[in-house]
């Protein structure tokens, strides 16, 4: 069963990559400019994403990794 899932996922990935390649070949150049308002918006999104990633790591650290270290410390103190 797992072999069928892996084969299907591999086939879907191959089809997506080939379709993406042909899509990039068919794109025509756009003669446009990037205004400063959109650059500011992209910069805000990047900063917000960075803060979100740091917050996610903080919560993950607090909930998961600190418990692992507490278990390790607890097992070391009982072994002595």
Protein backbone atom coordinates (compact mmCIF):
# COMPACT_ATOMS: atom_id res chain seq x y z
CA UNK A 1 0.00 0.00 0.00
CA UNK A 2 2.80 2.39 0.91
CA UNK A 3 4.58 1.60 -2.39
CA UNK A 4 1.46 2.66 -4.32
CA UNK A 5 1.27 5.93 -2.37
CA UNK A 6 4.97 6.64 -2.99
CA UNK A 7 4.62 5.89 -6.71
CA UNK A 8 1.54 8.11 -6.99
CA UNK A 9 3.26 10.96 -5.13
CA UNK A 10 6.33 10.62 -7.34
CA UNK A 11 4.19 10.70 -10.48
CA UNK A 12 2.25 13.75 -9.27
CA UNK A 13 5.48 15.58 -8.44
CA UNK A 14 6.91 14.78 -11.87
CA UNK A 15 3.78 16.01 -13.63
CA UNK A 16 3.76 19.21 -11.55
CA UNK A 17 7.42 19.91 -12.31
CA UNK A 18 6.99 19.29 -16.04
CA UNK A 19 3.85 21.45 -16.15
CA UNK A 20 5.65 24.22 -14.24
CA UNK A 21 8.58 24.06 -16.66
CA UNK A 22 6.32 24.43 -19.70
CA UNK A 23 4.36 27.18 -17.95
CA UNK A 24 7.55 29.20 -17.43
CA UNK A 25 8.39 28.80 -21.11
CA UNK A 26 5.01 30.15 -22.19
CA UNK A 27 5.12 33.35 -20.08
CA UNK A 28 5.53 36.51 -22.10
CA UNK A 29 7.54 39.45 -20.73
CA UNK A 30 5.49 42.10 -18.96
CA UNK A 31 6.44 45.71 -19.49
CA UNK A 32 5.54 47.11 -16.10
CA UNK A 33 7.10 48.72 -13.08
CA UNK A 34 7.03 48.06 -9.37
CA UNK A 35 5.69 51.00 -7.46
CA UNK A 36 7.01 51.94 -4.04
CA UNK A 37 3.73 51.14 -2.28
CA UNK A 38 3.95 47.48 -3.28
CA UNK A 39 7.61 47.33 -2.21
CA UNK A 40 6.65 48.66 1.21
CA UNK A 41 3.87 46.11 1.46
CA UNK A 42 6.24 43.26 0.58
CA UNK A 43 8.72 44.52 3.17
CA UNK A 44 5.98 44.56 5.82
CA UNK A 45 5.00 41.01 4.91
CA UNK A 46 8.62 39.83 5.20
CA UNK A 47 9.04 41.46 8.60
CA UNK A 48 5.73 40.06 9.85
CA UNK A 49 6.69 36.59 8.59
CA UNK A 50 10.02 36.78 10.40
CA UNK A 51 8.34 37.78 13.67
CA UNK A 52 5.76 35.01 13.20
CA UNK A 53 8.50 32.42 12.67
CA UNK A 54 10.37 33.60 15.77
CA UNK A 55 7.17 33.48 17.84
CA UNK A 56 6.40 29.97 16.55
CA UNK A 57 9.89 28.80 17.51
CA UNK A 58 9.49 30.38 20.95
CA UNK A 59 6.22 28.54 21.59
CA UNK A 60 7.63 25.29 20.22
CA UNK A 61 10.71 25.65 22.44
CA UNK A 62 8.61 26.37 25.49
CA UNK A 63 6.19 23.47 24.94
CA UNK A 64 8.37 20.72 23.54
CA UNK A 65 12.10 21.12 23.82
CA UNK A 66 12.16 22.40 27.39
CA UNK A 67 10.18 19.31 28.47
CA UNK A 68 12.74 17.08 26.78
CA UNK A 69 15.58 18.81 28.62
CA UNK A 70 13.63 18.52 31.89
CA UNK A 71 13.25 14.77 31.36
CA UNK A 72 16.96 14.45 30.60
CA UNK A 73 17.90 16.38 33.72
CA UNK A 74 15.44 14.34 35.77
CA UNK A 75 16.84 11.04 34.55
CA UNK A 76 20.42 12.18 35.26
CA UNK A 77 19.62 13.20 38.84
CA UNK A 78 17.82 9.92 39.64
CA UNK A 79 20.68 7.85 38.20
CA UNK A 80 23.19 9.38 40.61
